[in-house]
Protein backbone atom coordinates (compact mmCIF):
# COMPACT_ATOMS: atom_id res chain seq x y z
CA MET A 1 143.14 -30.09 -120.79
CA TYR A 2 140.25 -27.38 -120.40
CA ILE A 3 139.26 -24.81 -118.04
CA ILE A 4 136.77 -24.48 -115.50
CA PRO A 5 135.19 -21.91 -113.04
CA ASP A 6 137.68 -21.90 -109.93
CA THR A 7 137.11 -24.34 -107.22
CA THR A 8 137.85 -24.64 -103.54
CA LEU A 9 140.08 -27.73 -102.88
CA ILE A 10 140.00 -28.65 -98.43
CA LEU A 11 142.68 -30.16 -96.89
CA ASP A 12 141.74 -33.69 -95.67
CA ARG A 13 142.53 -32.96 -91.18
CA ARG A 14 145.83 -33.68 -90.12
CA PRO A 15 146.84 -37.24 -89.07
CA ARG A 16 149.11 -37.85 -85.91
CA GLU A 17 152.74 -38.41 -86.71
CA TYR A 18 154.80 -41.35 -86.02
CA PRO A 19 158.87 -42.13 -85.75
CA LEU A 20 161.23 -42.79 -88.96
CA ILE A 21 162.21 -45.77 -87.90
CA PHE A 22 160.46 -48.66 -89.88
CA ARG A 23 160.47 -52.00 -87.55
CA ASP A 24 159.66 -54.16 -90.45
CA LEU A 25 162.75 -53.38 -92.98
CA PRO A 26 165.99 -54.30 -92.27
CA ALA A 27 168.33 -51.81 -90.72
CA ASN A 28 170.63 -51.92 -94.52
CA GLU A 29 167.44 -50.73 -96.21
CA LYS A 30 166.23 -47.99 -94.49
CA PRO A 31 167.55 -45.08 -95.65
CA ARG A 32 169.41 -43.03 -92.73
CA GLU A 33 171.23 -46.48 -92.33
CA LYS A 34 171.94 -46.74 -96.02
CA LEU A 35 173.28 -42.40 -96.04
CA LEU A 36 175.15 -43.33 -93.04
CA ALA A 37 176.92 -46.83 -94.42
CA TYR A 38 176.92 -46.10 -98.63
CA GLY A 39 176.77 -41.96 -98.94
CA PRO A 40 174.02 -40.63 -100.45
CA GLU A 41 174.14 -41.47 -104.23
CA ALA A 42 173.20 -44.71 -102.92
CA LEU A 43 169.66 -43.49 -101.54
CA SER A 44 166.71 -43.30 -104.58
CA ILE A 45 165.10 -39.75 -105.10
CA ALA A 46 162.06 -41.01 -102.61
CA GLU A 47 164.65 -42.21 -99.88
CA LEU A 48 166.31 -38.72 -100.13
CA THR A 49 162.71 -37.55 -99.99
CA ALA A 50 161.69 -39.81 -96.83
CA LEU A 51 164.95 -38.33 -94.83
CA LEU A 52 163.46 -34.67 -95.62
CA LEU A 53 159.88 -35.19 -94.12
CA VAL A 54 161.17 -37.46 -91.51
CA THR A 55 157.50 -38.60 -90.63
CA GLY A 56 154.57 -39.82 -92.18
CA THR A 57 151.63 -39.80 -90.47
CA THR A 58 148.65 -43.02 -89.62
CA ARG A 59 147.72 -43.48 -93.41
CA GLU A 60 151.78 -43.92 -94.59
CA ASP A 61 154.79 -44.05 -93.27
CA VAL A 62 157.33 -41.72 -94.50
CA LEU A 63 158.82 -43.83 -97.34
CA GLU A 64 155.01 -44.93 -98.60
CA MET A 65 154.72 -40.93 -98.53
CA SER A 66 157.97 -40.12 -100.56
CA THR A 67 157.36 -42.60 -102.97
CA ARG A 68 153.85 -41.60 -103.24
CA LEU A 69 155.18 -37.94 -104.27
CA VAL A 70 157.84 -38.79 -105.85
CA ARG A 71 155.34 -40.95 -107.95
CA GLU A 72 152.43 -38.25 -108.69
CA TYR A 73 154.09 -35.29 -108.65
CA GLY A 74 157.94 -36.03 -110.76
CA GLU A 75 161.38 -35.72 -109.17
CA LYS A 76 161.68 -32.32 -110.08
CA SER A 77 158.12 -31.02 -110.34
CA VAL A 78 157.84 -32.74 -106.32
CA PHE A 79 160.14 -29.69 -105.54
CA ALA A 80 159.70 -27.15 -107.98
CA GLY A 81 156.33 -25.36 -106.06
CA ARG A 82 156.82 -22.31 -104.08
CA ASP A 83 153.74 -21.94 -102.82
CA PRO A 84 153.58 -24.13 -99.47
CA GLU A 85 149.67 -24.21 -99.12
CA LYS A 86 148.89 -24.74 -103.02
CA LEU A 87 151.88 -28.11 -102.59
CA SER A 88 150.23 -29.07 -98.89
CA LYS A 89 146.64 -29.62 -100.66
CA GLU A 90 148.05 -31.01 -104.43
CA LEU A 91 150.30 -33.69 -102.50
CA ASP A 92 147.71 -33.95 -99.67
CA VAL A 93 150.74 -34.33 -96.96
CA PRO A 94 151.03 -31.34 -93.69
CA ILE A 95 151.93 -28.09 -94.29
CA VAL A 96 154.87 -28.15 -92.14
CA LYS A 97 155.92 -30.96 -95.00
CA ALA A 98 155.14 -28.67 -97.66
CA CYS A 99 157.78 -26.08 -96.54
CA ALA A 100 160.10 -28.17 -95.81
CA ILE A 101 160.00 -29.25 -99.33
CA VAL A 102 159.55 -25.72 -100.88
CA ALA A 103 162.68 -24.66 -98.72
CA VAL A 104 165.23 -27.37 -100.02
CA GLY A 105 163.75 -26.75 -103.30
CA GLU A 106 164.43 -22.74 -103.07
CA LEU A 107 167.61 -24.03 -101.48
CA GLY A 108 169.03 -25.74 -104.72
CA ARG A 109 167.83 -22.99 -106.74
CA ARG A 110 169.53 -20.35 -104.89
CA LEU A 111 173.00 -22.42 -105.15
CA TYR A 112 172.42 -23.80 -108.50
CA GLU A 113 172.14 -19.86 -109.77
CA HIS A 114 175.12 -19.20 -108.20
CA SER A 115 177.22 -22.00 -109.33
CA GLU A 116 179.42 -21.48 -112.43
CA SER A 117 177.29 -23.61 -114.82
CA GLY A 118 174.37 -20.81 -114.26
CA PHE A 119 170.81 -21.43 -115.53
CA LYS A 120 169.81 -24.11 -118.05
CA THR A 121 169.14 -22.80 -121.69
CA ILE A 122 165.98 -24.13 -123.08
CA ARG A 123 166.24 -23.35 -127.18
CA ASN A 124 163.20 -24.95 -128.25
CA ALA A 125 160.68 -27.83 -127.81
CA LYS A 126 163.47 -30.76 -127.82
CA ASP A 127 165.79 -28.49 -124.42
CA ALA A 128 162.23 -28.52 -122.78
CA TYR A 129 161.57 -32.57 -123.50
CA GLU A 130 165.22 -33.11 -122.20
CA TYR A 131 164.79 -30.89 -118.94
CA LEU A 132 161.39 -31.88 -118.36
CA VAL A 133 161.64 -35.57 -119.33
CA ASP A 134 160.40 -37.01 -115.37
CA MET A 135 156.22 -35.76 -116.89
CA ARG A 136 156.99 -38.89 -118.67
CA ASN A 137 155.33 -41.44 -116.47
CA LEU A 138 152.80 -39.14 -114.27
CA PRO A 139 149.97 -40.84 -113.67
CA LYS A 140 147.80 -37.42 -113.53
CA GLU A 141 148.53 -34.54 -116.44
CA HIS A 142 150.41 -31.76 -115.11
CA LEU A 143 150.84 -28.23 -116.84
CA ARG A 144 154.17 -27.73 -115.88
CA GLY A 145 155.69 -23.81 -116.93
CA LEU A 146 159.61 -22.88 -117.45
CA TYR A 147 160.02 -19.61 -116.92
CA LEU A 148 162.80 -17.75 -118.86
CA ASN A 149 164.94 -14.19 -118.71
CA SER A 150 165.96 -12.37 -122.15
CA HIS A 151 168.57 -15.18 -123.04
CA ASN A 152 166.05 -17.90 -123.07
CA ARG A 153 167.76 -19.41 -119.78
CA ILE A 154 165.48 -20.40 -117.05
CA ILE A 155 164.74 -18.35 -113.76
CA ALA A 156 161.68 -20.17 -112.19
CA ASP A 157 160.48 -23.71 -112.86
CA GLU A 158 156.80 -24.06 -111.38
CA VAL A 159 154.17 -26.55 -111.50
CA ILE A 160 151.07 -24.80 -112.53
CA SER A 161 148.75 -27.57 -111.96
CA ILE A 162 147.16 -31.44 -111.39
CA GLY A 163 144.69 -32.63 -113.30
CA THR A 164 143.60 -35.87 -113.73
CA VAL A 165 144.56 -38.75 -115.79
CA ASN A 166 142.96 -37.22 -119.12
CA ALA A 167 142.45 -33.57 -118.48
CA ASN A 168 143.55 -30.22 -116.66
CA VAL A 169 142.80 -27.02 -115.39
CA ILE A 170 144.31 -23.67 -117.06
CA HIS A 171 143.88 -20.50 -115.71
CA ALA A 172 145.41 -17.43 -117.15
CA ARG A 173 146.77 -16.04 -113.76
CA GLU A 174 148.62 -18.74 -112.49
CA VAL A 175 150.53 -19.09 -115.77
CA PHE A 176 151.78 -16.25 -115.63
CA ARG A 177 151.44 -15.26 -111.53
CA PRO A 178 154.72 -16.77 -112.03
CA ALA A 179 156.57 -14.87 -114.11
CA ILE A 180 155.63 -11.42 -113.25
CA GLU A 181 156.66 -12.48 -110.15
CA ARG A 182 160.31 -13.34 -111.23
CA ASN A 183 160.69 -10.41 -113.93
CA ALA A 184 160.63 -13.31 -116.60
CA VAL A 185 160.14 -12.23 -120.08
CA ALA A 186 158.86 -15.52 -122.00
CA VAL A 187 157.59 -18.55 -120.95
CA ILE A 188 157.30 -22.31 -122.15
CA LEU A 189 154.84 -24.70 -121.24
CA ALA A 190 155.01 -28.27 -120.94
CA HIS A 191 152.00 -31.01 -120.13
CA ASN A 192 152.32 -34.65 -120.30
CA HIS A 193 149.38 -36.59 -121.93
CA PRO A 194 149.46 -40.02 -119.61
CA SER A 195 147.36 -41.85 -121.93
CA GLY A 196 150.42 -41.71 -124.50
CA GLU A 197 148.56 -40.05 -127.42
CA SER A 198 151.12 -37.07 -128.03
CA THR A 199 148.87 -35.55 -130.35
CA PRO A 200 147.44 -32.21 -128.93
CA SER A 201 143.25 -32.28 -128.56
CA LEU A 202 141.20 -28.97 -129.56
CA GLU A 203 141.43 -27.92 -126.54
CA ASP A 204 144.94 -28.18 -126.15
CA ILE A 205 145.72 -25.96 -129.12
CA THR A 206 142.46 -23.61 -128.50
CA ILE A 207 144.17 -22.50 -124.85
CA THR A 208 147.38 -22.04 -126.51
CA LYS A 209 146.54 -20.06 -128.57
CA GLN A 210 144.37 -18.13 -125.54
CA LEU A 211 147.07 -17.54 -123.63
CA VAL A 212 149.87 -16.67 -126.70
CA GLN A 213 147.19 -13.78 -126.78
CA ALA A 214 147.12 -12.92 -123.33
CA GLY A 215 150.51 -12.86 -123.37
CA LYS A 216 151.09 -10.56 -125.67
CA ILE A 217 149.33 -8.32 -123.61
CA LEU A 218 150.97 -8.56 -120.69
CA GLY A 219 154.63 -8.26 -122.83
CA ILE A 220 155.22 -11.85 -122.13
CA ARG A 221 155.99 -14.52 -124.71
CA VAL A 222 154.46 -18.12 -124.84
CA LEU A 223 157.57 -19.58 -126.48
CA ASP A 224 155.55 -22.80 -126.54
CA HIS A 225 153.55 -25.34 -125.75
CA VAL A 226 154.67 -28.82 -125.51
CA ILE A 227 152.83 -32.47 -125.01
CA ILE A 228 155.00 -35.36 -123.56
CA THR A 229 154.25 -38.17 -123.25
CA LYS A 230 156.48 -42.10 -122.65
CA ASP A 231 157.93 -42.30 -126.20
CA ALA A 232 157.48 -38.71 -127.40
CA PHE A 233 156.76 -35.08 -127.24
CA MET A 234 154.94 -32.58 -129.63
CA SER A 235 155.26 -28.86 -129.75
CA VAL A 236 151.88 -27.42 -130.02
CA SER A 237 152.93 -23.75 -130.99
CA ALA A 238 155.23 -25.37 -134.29
CA ASP A 239 152.78 -27.80 -134.98
CA TYR A 240 149.62 -26.36 -134.80
C-alpha cells in the first residue's frame, strides 16, 4: 500500500441495456422467478443485486454484472459506498445503477440505525475483522474505514479506495472526509492482502503512523489499522 499523486479516472461509454429475462437460464434459476417461488432468503447476494440492477449491458448480462460486483467489491462493501460517481467509476457500471446501489445501502443504514440492535460496537481488531470478514477473498486490495462515535459504535462504513492485487492508493483527505461529514470521533482502517501475507509492509506501517498524526491534528483518532487475509488478520497499530 502506498501513496501516489492524484489521477483522473474516465468512465467508459455507457453501452445499450437489455432486459432482465435470460433465455439461456431455466425458469427456476432466474432471480425473479426464484424470489416468487421460494422467497428472498433463497437468493444469493448476487441474485438479489441483479434484481436491484434490473438490466445488464451489451458487455455483460445483469447476473454477470451483479456477480462481478459482489466478487470484486465484497458483499458488504458493494453497498457501503455513498458517492454514486465514485462507485460508478470503481465498479465500471452506469451511473443510474450506482445511484440505485447507494440508495439501497443508505436505506439499509437508516433502517438499521433505528432498529433495536442499534449500531455495531467495535472494541478491538478482532471485532473489526469479524465485521469485515467479507474482505477476505477480494481479488484486489480494498481500503475500508469504520467510522465510530464516542461509544465506539459504527456510524459509517466506507470503501475508501480500491487498488490492485498488491497495492492501493491512500489519500488522507479521503480517509478523514467521512469522519468529518458524519461527526465521527474515531476511525478503524482495514485493508486486505490478496497475497495471503498478513505481515504489514514497511509502507503499511509508515502510512499508519502518518494517518495517526493527521488524525491528531483533526481531532479524529485512528484507533487501529487491520490487515485482513483469507485465513488471518493483524493489527498494524497494536503490533507495530
